[in-house]
Amino acid sequence: MLYREDKHGDKVSELGFGCMRFTRSAGNIDLDKAEQELLEAVKLGVNYFDTAYIYPGSEVAVGKIFERNGIRGKVKIATKLPQFLVKSPEGIEKYFQEELQRLQTDYVDYYLMHHMTSLVQWENLKKLGIEDWIREKKASGQIRNIGFSYHGNTDDFLQILDAYDWDMCQIQYNYVDEHTQAGVRGLRAAGAKNIPVVIMEPLRGGKLVNLLPEKAKALIASQDTEYTPAEYGLRWLWNQPEVTCVLSGMNSLDMVRENCRIASEAAPGCFTEDDFRVVEGVKQIIAETEKVGCTGCGYCMPYPQGVDIPAAFRCYNRMYTENKGAGRHEYAQTVGLRLKPAFASQCVQCGKCEKHCPQSLPIREKLKDADKALRPFYYRIGTAVARRKLLKKLK
């Protein structure tokens, strides 16, 4: 495992474990499976683990696993204040203490203001006394480093970056999103200020791996490097010296081992001209086929009317990155045959989802397009028949 340094000279593994996408069974995190994966990551040198208050069950799972294996002192935990839920000075402390309890620890290595999109959010926190609160927590050792995670445009990112003496920041960044959100301009601005940058969505929620168009997969497979799609995405990031740590939502031992192998080899300067040529080719292919730039992060969920927005967009994109039948069949199975339907047509155009979307997608408009494409009349009829049979069996 290769390491880079944080603002205070501590070593951070190039690869971080993103704890938002643990495998679930019957809605609950499969703790035994998550434990195997976390411990394998630690064994292979990963020391940065990222979670958040709003990731269901994640902080509790991380806390249990680290506590019962006695490895808290060997790892660095990053979690986040749900600043969008904070209404009072007391609320800041309440959420933080609850997180410490969940994590079974008395300190957090990296504490982030979660999901910042505008300087106004930081100004509101300042009115609640967040700066004094941070000083107290850092003085007591309960917080080692303070930062923010970001989903907004580049200009707003630069304003937040300059508004406080941050120890680190976290941005969405990958070779498709090179010039969106904070983007490469924000990455380099942070680097110029010696502010470590942690990367989230490095493979766009898997879209730069298994969900790549077949033409893009073929392009990658034809190269002499024998790199996997994931390896191209990760090496592209680690080639940049401003990148401190790259998060991966690993949910299999094979994924942990592959990513750790890559992180033991990839350093600034590792990407060749041929590698850049391949990535540019993949980007062109994706642009030709993808309909909605959804990463599947789930920030728009739960939806009041029950619509499964990430599923709708995933299946909609699959119609064009693979074939129409594959996307429609998946949608009929995963959305149409639920006990409570979650069709895109249930959207009432309230717009709440768009306020929470990190990608600022026009969700309402795209849901209409997705529903029309995913459910032609014969699929609507077939799904309705299948639903009646399913519900009859369950009575």
Protein backbone atom coordinates (compact mmCIF):
# COMPACT_ATOMS: atom_id res chain seq x y z
CA MET A 1 0.00 0.00 0.00
CA LEU A 2 1.27 3.44 -0.91
CA TYR A 3 0.59 6.37 1.41
CA ARG A 4 0.28 10.11 1.10
CA GLU A 5 0.35 12.72 3.86
CA ASP A 6 -2.44 14.75 5.40
CA LYS A 7 -2.01 18.38 6.39
CA HIS A 8 -0.21 17.45 9.60
CA GLY A 9 2.15 14.90 8.08
CA ASP A 10 0.25 11.77 9.12
CA LYS A 11 0.27 8.95 6.58
CA VAL A 12 -3.03 8.22 4.85
CA SER A 13 -3.47 5.18 2.63
CA GLU A 14 -3.98 6.05 -1.02
CA LEU A 15 -7.04 3.80 -0.92
CA GLY A 16 -9.82 4.57 1.54
CA PHE A 17 -12.76 2.33 2.40
CA GLY A 18 -16.10 3.99 1.64
CA CYS A 19 -18.60 2.53 4.10
CA MET A 20 -21.83 3.68 2.43
CA ARG A 21 -22.34 0.61 0.23
CA PHE A 22 -22.00 -2.36 2.60
CA THR A 23 -23.89 -5.43 1.43
CA ARG A 24 -27.38 -5.61 2.91
CA SER A 25 -29.70 -8.52 3.65
CA ALA A 26 -33.38 -7.88 4.35
CA GLY A 27 -32.51 -4.19 4.60
CA ASN A 28 -29.80 -4.66 7.24
CA ILE A 29 -26.04 -4.56 6.82
CA ASP A 30 -24.51 -8.02 6.56
CA LEU A 31 -22.15 -7.42 9.48
CA ASP A 32 -20.13 -10.62 9.13
CA LYS A 33 -19.44 -9.96 5.45
CA ALA A 34 -18.60 -6.31 6.11
CA GLU A 35 -16.23 -7.41 8.89
CA GLN A 36 -14.33 -9.75 6.57
CA GLU A 37 -13.94 -6.99 4.00
CA LEU A 38 -12.86 -4.31 6.48
CA LEU A 39 -10.34 -6.59 8.16
CA GLU A 40 -8.89 -7.66 4.82
CA ALA A 41 -8.51 -4.00 3.89
CA VAL A 42 -6.71 -3.26 7.16
CA LYS A 43 -4.47 -6.29 6.64
CA LEU A 44 -3.51 -4.98 3.19
CA GLY A 45 -2.70 -1.50 4.49
CA VAL A 46 -5.89 0.57 4.24
CA ASN A 47 -6.11 2.95 7.21
CA TYR A 48 -8.81 5.45 6.12
CA PHE A 49 -12.49 4.55 6.63
CA ASP A 50 -15.27 6.93 5.61
CA THR A 51 -18.82 6.89 6.96
CA ALA A 52 -21.54 9.42 7.83
CA TYR A 53 -24.47 10.02 10.16
CA ILE A 54 -27.02 9.55 7.38
CA TYR A 55 -25.63 6.27 5.97
CA PRO A 56 -28.14 3.80 7.47
CA GLY A 57 -26.39 1.52 9.96
CA SER A 58 -22.92 2.35 8.69
CA GLU A 59 -21.47 4.11 11.75
CA VAL A 60 -22.81 1.39 14.04
CA ALA A 61 -21.33 -1.36 11.87
CA VAL A 62 -17.93 0.32 11.67
CA GLY A 63 -17.90 0.91 15.43
CA LYS A 64 -18.78 -2.70 16.26
CA ILE A 65 -16.23 -4.17 13.88
CA PHE A 66 -13.34 -1.99 15.02
CA GLU A 67 -14.19 -2.40 18.70
CA ARG A 68 -14.53 -6.18 18.76
CA ASN A 69 -11.31 -6.60 16.79
CA GLY A 70 -9.36 -4.11 18.90
CA ILE A 71 -8.06 -2.10 15.94
CA ARG A 72 -9.39 1.40 16.57
CA GLY A 73 -5.86 2.71 17.13
CA LYS A 74 -4.68 1.34 13.78
CA VAL A 75 -7.25 3.12 11.64
CA LYS A 76 -8.47 6.61 10.84
CA ILE A 77 -12.22 7.22 10.93
CA ALA A 78 -13.86 9.95 8.90
CA THR A 79 -17.49 10.78 9.55
CA LYS A 80 -19.72 13.75 8.94
CA LEU A 81 -21.96 16.30 10.63
CA PRO A 82 -25.36 16.37 8.88
CA GLN A 83 -25.20 20.16 8.67
CA PHE A 84 -28.44 20.27 6.68
CA LEU A 85 -30.27 18.90 9.76
CA VAL A 86 -28.67 21.24 12.32
CA LYS A 87 -31.00 23.98 13.60
CA SER A 88 -29.29 25.08 16.84
CA PRO A 89 -25.91 25.10 18.61
CA GLU A 90 -27.16 22.22 20.75
CA GLY A 91 -27.89 20.24 17.60
CA ILE A 92 -24.23 20.24 16.57
CA GLU A 93 -23.18 18.65 19.86
CA LYS A 94 -26.12 16.24 19.85
CA TYR A 95 -25.27 14.77 16.46
CA PHE A 96 -21.55 14.56 17.28
CA GLN A 97 -22.09 12.74 20.58
CA GLU A 98 -24.49 10.32 18.91
CA GLU A 99 -21.85 9.58 16.29
CA LEU A 100 -19.19 8.93 18.92
CA GLN A 101 -21.58 6.49 20.61
CA ARG A 102 -22.35 4.71 17.36
CA LEU A 103 -18.66 4.47 16.47
CA GLN A 104 -17.72 3.31 19.99
CA THR A 105 -14.87 5.82 20.12
CA ASP A 106 -14.00 9.00 21.99
CA TYR A 107 -12.49 10.82 19.02
CA VAL A 108 -12.87 11.21 15.26
CA ASP A 109 -9.82 11.52 13.03
CA TYR A 110 -11.56 13.49 10.27
CA TYR A 111 -14.86 15.30 10.84
CA LEU A 112 -16.56 16.77 7.79
CA MET A 113 -19.38 19.21 7.23
CA HIS A 114 -21.54 16.92 5.10
CA HIS A 115 -22.86 17.75 1.63
CA MET A 116 -21.85 21.38 1.34
CA THR A 117 -23.05 23.09 -1.84
CA SER A 118 -22.92 26.79 -1.01
CA LEU A 119 -21.03 29.24 1.18
CA VAL A 120 -24.40 30.13 2.73
CA GLN A 121 -24.42 26.79 4.53
CA TRP A 122 -21.08 27.54 6.18
CA GLU A 123 -22.21 31.05 7.08
CA ASN A 124 -25.31 29.58 8.76
CA LEU A 125 -23.15 27.19 10.76
CA LYS A 126 -20.94 30.10 11.82
CA LYS A 127 -24.02 31.87 13.21
CA LEU A 128 -24.61 28.79 15.37
CA GLY A 129 -21.08 29.00 16.77
CA ILE A 130 -19.47 26.21 14.76
CA GLU A 131 -16.01 27.83 14.79
CA ASP A 132 -15.86 27.98 18.60
CA TRP A 133 -17.23 24.44 18.77
CA ILE A 134 -14.51 23.17 16.41
CA ARG A 135 -11.80 24.91 18.45
CA GLU A 136 -13.06 23.22 21.62
CA LYS A 137 -13.23 19.78 20.02
CA LYS A 138 -9.78 20.04 18.49
CA ALA A 139 -8.31 21.31 21.77
CA SER A 140 -9.83 18.35 23.63
CA GLY A 141 -8.65 15.88 20.98
CA GLN A 142 -12.17 14.72 20.14
CA ILE A 143 -11.64 15.92 16.57
CA ARG A 144 -8.20 15.59 14.97
CA ASN A 145 -8.95 17.17 11.57
CA ILE A 146 -11.86 19.24 10.26
CA GLY A 147 -13.09 19.35 6.70
CA PHE A 148 -16.11 19.33 4.41
CA SER A 149 -17.58 17.15 1.70
CA TYR A 150 -18.79 18.95 -1.38
CA HIS A 151 -21.45 18.66 -4.09
CA GLY A 152 -21.86 21.90 -5.97
CA ASN A 153 -20.19 23.98 -8.67
CA THR A 154 -16.54 24.99 -8.85
CA ASP A 155 -16.99 28.65 -7.92
CA ASP A 156 -18.90 27.85 -4.73
CA PHE A 157 -16.28 25.24 -3.83
CA LEU A 158 -13.52 27.82 -4.10
CA GLN A 159 -15.46 30.20 -1.83
CA ILE A 160 -15.89 27.54 0.86
CA LEU A 161 -12.25 26.51 0.49
CA ASP A 162 -11.17 30.09 1.29
CA ALA A 163 -13.69 30.61 4.11
CA TYR A 164 -11.88 28.62 6.82
CA ASP A 165 -8.56 27.01 7.69
CA TRP A 166 -9.62 23.50 6.62
CA ASP A 167 -7.55 20.42 7.31
CA MET A 168 -9.03 18.51 4.36
CA CYS A 169 -11.92 18.30 1.93
CA GLN A 170 -13.78 15.60 0.03
CA ILE A 171 -15.02 15.94 -3.53
CA GLN A 172 -16.64 13.84 -6.24
CA TYR A 173 -14.06 13.43 -8.97
CA ASN A 174 -13.36 10.92 -11.73
CA TYR A 175 -12.38 11.03 -15.38
CA VAL A 176 -15.97 11.64 -16.48
CA ASP A 177 -16.55 14.37 -13.86
CA GLU A 178 -13.23 16.10 -14.48
CA HIS A 179 -14.87 19.47 -15.08
CA THR A 180 -18.07 19.20 -13.02
CA GLN A 181 -18.68 19.95 -9.34
CA ALA A 182 -15.36 21.01 -7.72
CA GLY A 183 -13.58 19.58 -10.74
CA VAL A 184 -9.91 19.67 -11.58
CA ARG A 185 -9.83 23.43 -10.90
CA GLY A 186 -11.05 22.87 -7.36
CA LEU A 187 -8.67 19.95 -6.84
CA ARG A 188 -5.68 22.03 -7.86
CA ALA A 189 -6.81 25.02 -5.79
CA ALA A 190 -6.93 22.78 -2.71
CA GLY A 191 -3.51 21.39 -3.57
CA ALA A 192 -2.10 24.90 -3.87
CA LYS A 193 -3.33 25.63 -0.33
CA ASN A 194 -1.85 22.34 0.96
CA ILE A 195 -5.33 21.04 1.76
CA PRO A 196 -5.55 17.25 1.34
CA VAL A 197 -8.29 16.06 -1.00
CA VAL A 198 -10.25 12.82 -0.53
CA ILE A 199 -12.04 11.54 -3.61
CA MET A 200 -15.54 10.05 -3.58
CA GLU A 201 -17.34 8.41 -6.52
CA PRO A 202 -14.02 7.62 -8.24
CA LEU A 203 -15.76 5.05 -10.45
CA ARG A 204 -19.11 6.86 -10.56
CA GLY A 205 -20.93 4.35 -8.40
CA GLY A 206 -19.70 1.44 -10.56
CA LYS A 207 -20.63 3.08 -13.85
CA LEU A 208 -16.97 3.14 -14.90
CA VAL A 209 -16.66 -0.59 -14.27
CA ASN A 210 -19.46 -3.11 -14.81
CA LEU A 211 -21.92 -0.61 -16.28
CA LEU A 212 -19.61 0.66 -19.00
CA PRO A 213 -20.95 0.35 -22.55
CA GLU A 214 -19.81 -2.86 -24.23
CA LYS A 215 -17.87 -0.83 -26.78
CA ALA A 216 -15.90 0.81 -23.95
CA LYS A 217 -15.22 -2.53 -22.28
CA ALA A 218 -13.90 -3.85 -25.58
CA LEU A 219 -11.59 -0.85 -25.96
CA ILE A 220 -10.12 -1.45 -22.50
CA ALA A 221 -9.79 -5.20 -23.06
CA SER A 222 -7.85 -4.61 -26.27
CA GLN A 223 -4.98 -2.84 -24.48
CA ASP A 224 -1.64 -4.49 -23.71
CA THR A 225 -1.66 -3.16 -20.13
CA GLU A 226 -4.27 -5.75 -19.08
CA TYR A 227 -5.72 -3.09 -16.75
CA THR A 228 -9.30 -3.61 -15.64
CA PRO A 229 -11.82 -0.78 -16.08
CA ALA A 230 -11.48 -0.05 -12.35
CA GLU A 231 -7.73 0.11 -12.66
CA TYR A 232 -7.88 2.76 -15.37
CA GLY A 233 -10.20 4.87 -13.22
CA LEU A 234 -8.12 4.56 -10.07
CA ARG A 235 -4.75 5.02 -11.75
CA TRP A 236 -6.07 8.15 -13.49
CA LEU A 237 -6.77 9.61 -10.05
CA TRP A 238 -3.58 8.50 -8.31
CA ASN A 239 -1.57 9.93 -11.17
CA GLN A 240 -2.48 13.37 -9.79
CA PRO A 241 -0.33 14.51 -6.84
CA GLU A 242 -3.14 16.66 -5.39
CA VAL A 243 -5.20 13.53 -4.69
CA THR A 244 -4.56 12.30 -1.14
CA CYS A 245 -6.96 9.38 -0.78
CA VAL A 246 -9.47 7.69 -3.07
CA LEU A 247 -12.58 6.14 -1.51
CA SER A 248 -13.98 2.91 -2.85
CA GLY A 249 -17.29 1.41 -1.70
CA MET A 250 -15.84 -2.09 -1.67
CA ASN A 251 -18.32 -4.90 -1.01
CA SER A 252 -16.41 -8.06 -1.91
CA LEU A 253 -13.05 -9.51 -0.91
CA ASP A 254 -12.02 -9.65 -4.56
CA MET A 255 -12.71 -5.93 -4.91
CA VAL A 256 -10.73 -5.16 -1.76
CA ARG A 257 -7.76 -7.19 -2.98
CA GLU A 258 -7.78 -5.77 -6.49
CA ASN A 259 -8.02 -2.17 -5.32
CA CYS A 260 -5.29 -2.69 -2.73
CA ARG A 261 -3.05 -4.20 -5.39
CA ILE A 262 -3.52 -1.16 -7.59
CA ALA A 263 -2.94 1.18 -4.62
CA SER A 264 0.39 -0.54 -3.98
CA GLU A 265 1.61 0.38 -7.47
CA ALA A 266 -0.04 3.64 -8.60
CA ALA A 267 1.79 6.91 -7.93
CA PRO A 268 1.99 10.34 -9.58
CA GLY A 269 3.39 9.88 -13.07
CA CYS A 270 2.07 6.33 -13.45
CA PHE A 271 -0.31 7.19 -16.29
CA THR A 272 1.12 7.05 -19.80
CA GLU A 273 0.05 8.86 -22.97
CA ASP A 274 -1.55 5.61 -24.15
CA ASP A 275 -3.50 5.38 -20.88
CA PHE A 276 -4.86 8.89 -21.36
CA ARG A 277 -5.82 8.01 -24.93
CA VAL A 278 -7.82 5.01 -23.70
CA VAL A 279 -9.64 7.08 -21.07
CA GLU A 280 -10.54 9.74 -23.63
CA GLY A 281 -11.92 7.02 -25.88
CA VAL A 282 -14.05 5.62 -23.05
CA LYS A 283 -15.37 9.09 -22.23
CA GLN A 284 -16.47 9.62 -25.81
CA ILE A 285 -18.27 6.28 -25.87
CA ILE A 286 -20.06 7.03 -22.57
CA ALA A 287 -21.14 10.44 -23.81
CA GLU A 288 -22.66 8.81 -26.86
CA THR A 289 -24.77 6.35 -24.87
CA GLU A 290 -25.61 7.56 -21.34
CA LYS A 291 -28.95 9.27 -20.82
CA VAL A 292 -28.70 10.44 -17.18
CA GLY A 293 -25.54 11.18 -15.20
CA CYS A 294 -26.86 9.59 -11.99
CA THR A 295 -24.25 7.97 -9.73
CA GLY A 296 -26.79 6.06 -7.63
CA CYS A 297 -25.71 7.84 -4.42
CA GLY A 298 -29.29 7.81 -3.05
CA TYR A 299 -29.28 11.37 -1.70
CA CYS A 300 -32.69 11.87 -3.34
CA MET A 301 -34.15 9.02 -1.31
CA PRO A 302 -36.44 8.09 0.33
CA TYR A 303 -38.91 9.62 -2.08
CA PRO A 304 -42.29 10.59 -0.51
CA GLN A 305 -44.34 8.90 -3.25
CA GLY A 306 -42.21 5.77 -3.21
CA VAL A 307 -40.40 6.31 -6.52
CA ASP A 308 -37.03 4.54 -6.69
CA ILE A 309 -35.16 7.26 -8.56
CA PRO A 310 -31.70 5.60 -8.70
CA ALA A 311 -33.25 2.36 -9.98
CA ALA A 312 -35.19 4.19 -12.69
CA PHE A 313 -32.09 5.98 -13.95
CA ARG A 314 -29.88 2.90 -13.66
CA CYS A 315 -32.27 0.88 -15.79
CA TYR A 316 -32.83 3.76 -18.21
CA ASN A 317 -29.09 4.08 -18.79
CA ARG A 318 -28.75 0.31 -19.14
CA MET A 319 -31.18 0.41 -22.06
CA TYR A 320 -28.59 2.41 -23.97
CA THR A 321 -25.27 1.20 -22.58
CA GLU A 322 -26.28 -2.46 -23.08
CA ASN A 323 -29.64 -3.00 -24.78
CA LYS A 324 -33.25 -1.95 -24.34
CA GLY A 325 -34.46 -5.36 -23.23
CA ALA A 326 -31.86 -5.59 -20.44
CA GLY A 327 -32.89 -2.24 -18.96
CA ARG A 328 -36.61 -2.89 -19.22
CA HIS A 329 -36.35 -6.40 -17.80
CA GLU A 330 -34.33 -5.19 -14.81
CA TYR A 331 -36.84 -2.41 -14.17
CA ALA A 332 -39.79 -4.79 -14.33
CA GLN A 333 -38.11 -7.17 -11.90
CA THR A 334 -36.54 -4.79 -9.41
CA VAL A 335 -39.16 -2.03 -9.40
CA GLY A 336 -42.35 -3.43 -10.91
CA LEU A 337 -42.57 -6.54 -8.75
CA ARG A 338 -42.14 -4.93 -5.35
CA LEU A 339 -44.98 -5.22 -2.87
CA LYS A 340 -45.25 -1.46 -3.07
CA PRO A 341 -44.60 -0.26 -6.63
CA ALA A 342 -41.93 2.39 -7.13
CA PHE A 343 -42.54 3.48 -10.71
CA ALA A 344 -41.27 6.78 -12.05
CA SER A 345 -44.88 7.60 -13.04
CA GLN A 346 -45.70 8.03 -9.32
CA CYS A 347 -43.73 11.29 -9.28
CA VAL A 348 -45.94 14.27 -8.38
CA GLN A 349 -43.41 16.88 -9.56
CA CYS A 350 -42.81 18.34 -6.08
CA GLY A 351 -39.12 18.92 -6.82
CA LYS A 352 -37.80 17.96 -3.36
CA CYS A 353 -35.48 15.34 -4.85
CA GLU A 354 -33.74 17.90 -7.04
CA LYS A 355 -32.77 19.99 -4.01
CA HIS A 356 -30.80 17.04 -2.62
CA CYS A 357 -29.20 15.79 -5.86
CA PRO A 358 -25.37 16.24 -5.79
CA GLN A 359 -25.36 16.20 -9.60
CA SER A 360 -28.07 18.90 -9.87
CA LEU A 361 -29.95 16.64 -12.28
CA PRO A 362 -33.35 17.70 -13.67
CA ILE A 363 -34.85 14.62 -12.00
CA ARG A 364 -38.51 15.39 -12.70
CA GLU A 365 -37.93 15.80 -16.41
CA LYS A 366 -35.68 12.76 -16.65
CA LEU A 367 -38.12 10.57 -14.70
CA LYS A 368 -40.76 11.26 -17.34
CA ASP A 369 -38.33 10.27 -20.07
CA ALA A 370 -37.27 7.16 -18.16
CA ASP A 371 -40.80 5.98 -17.49
CA LYS A 372 -41.79 6.38 -21.12
CA ALA A 373 -38.75 4.43 -22.31
CA LEU A 374 -38.81 1.72 -19.65
CA ARG A 375 -42.52 0.92 -19.77
CA PRO A 376 -43.95 0.66 -23.27
CA PHE A 377 -47.54 -0.59 -23.22
CA TYR A 378 -46.64 -4.28 -23.44
CA TYR A 379 -44.31 -4.00 -20.44
CA ARG A 380 -47.01 -2.19 -18.46
CA ILE A 381 -49.47 -4.99 -19.24
CA GLY A 382 -46.96 -7.76 -18.49
CA THR A 383 -45.85 -6.17 -15.23
CA ALA A 384 -49.47 -5.64 -14.10
CA VAL A 385 -50.28 -9.32 -14.73
CA ALA A 386 -47.15 -10.46 -12.91
CA ARG A 387 -47.96 -8.16 -9.97
CA ARG A 388 -51.45 -9.62 -9.60
CA LYS A 389 -50.04 -13.15 -9.53
CA LEU A 390 -47.39 -12.16 -7.00
CA LEU A 391 -49.84 -10.42 -4.67
CA LYS A 392 -52.27 -13.35 -4.93
CA LYS A 393 -49.56 -15.72 -3.76
CA LEU A 394 -48.73 -13.48 -0.82
CA LYS A 395 -52.31 -13.24 0.46
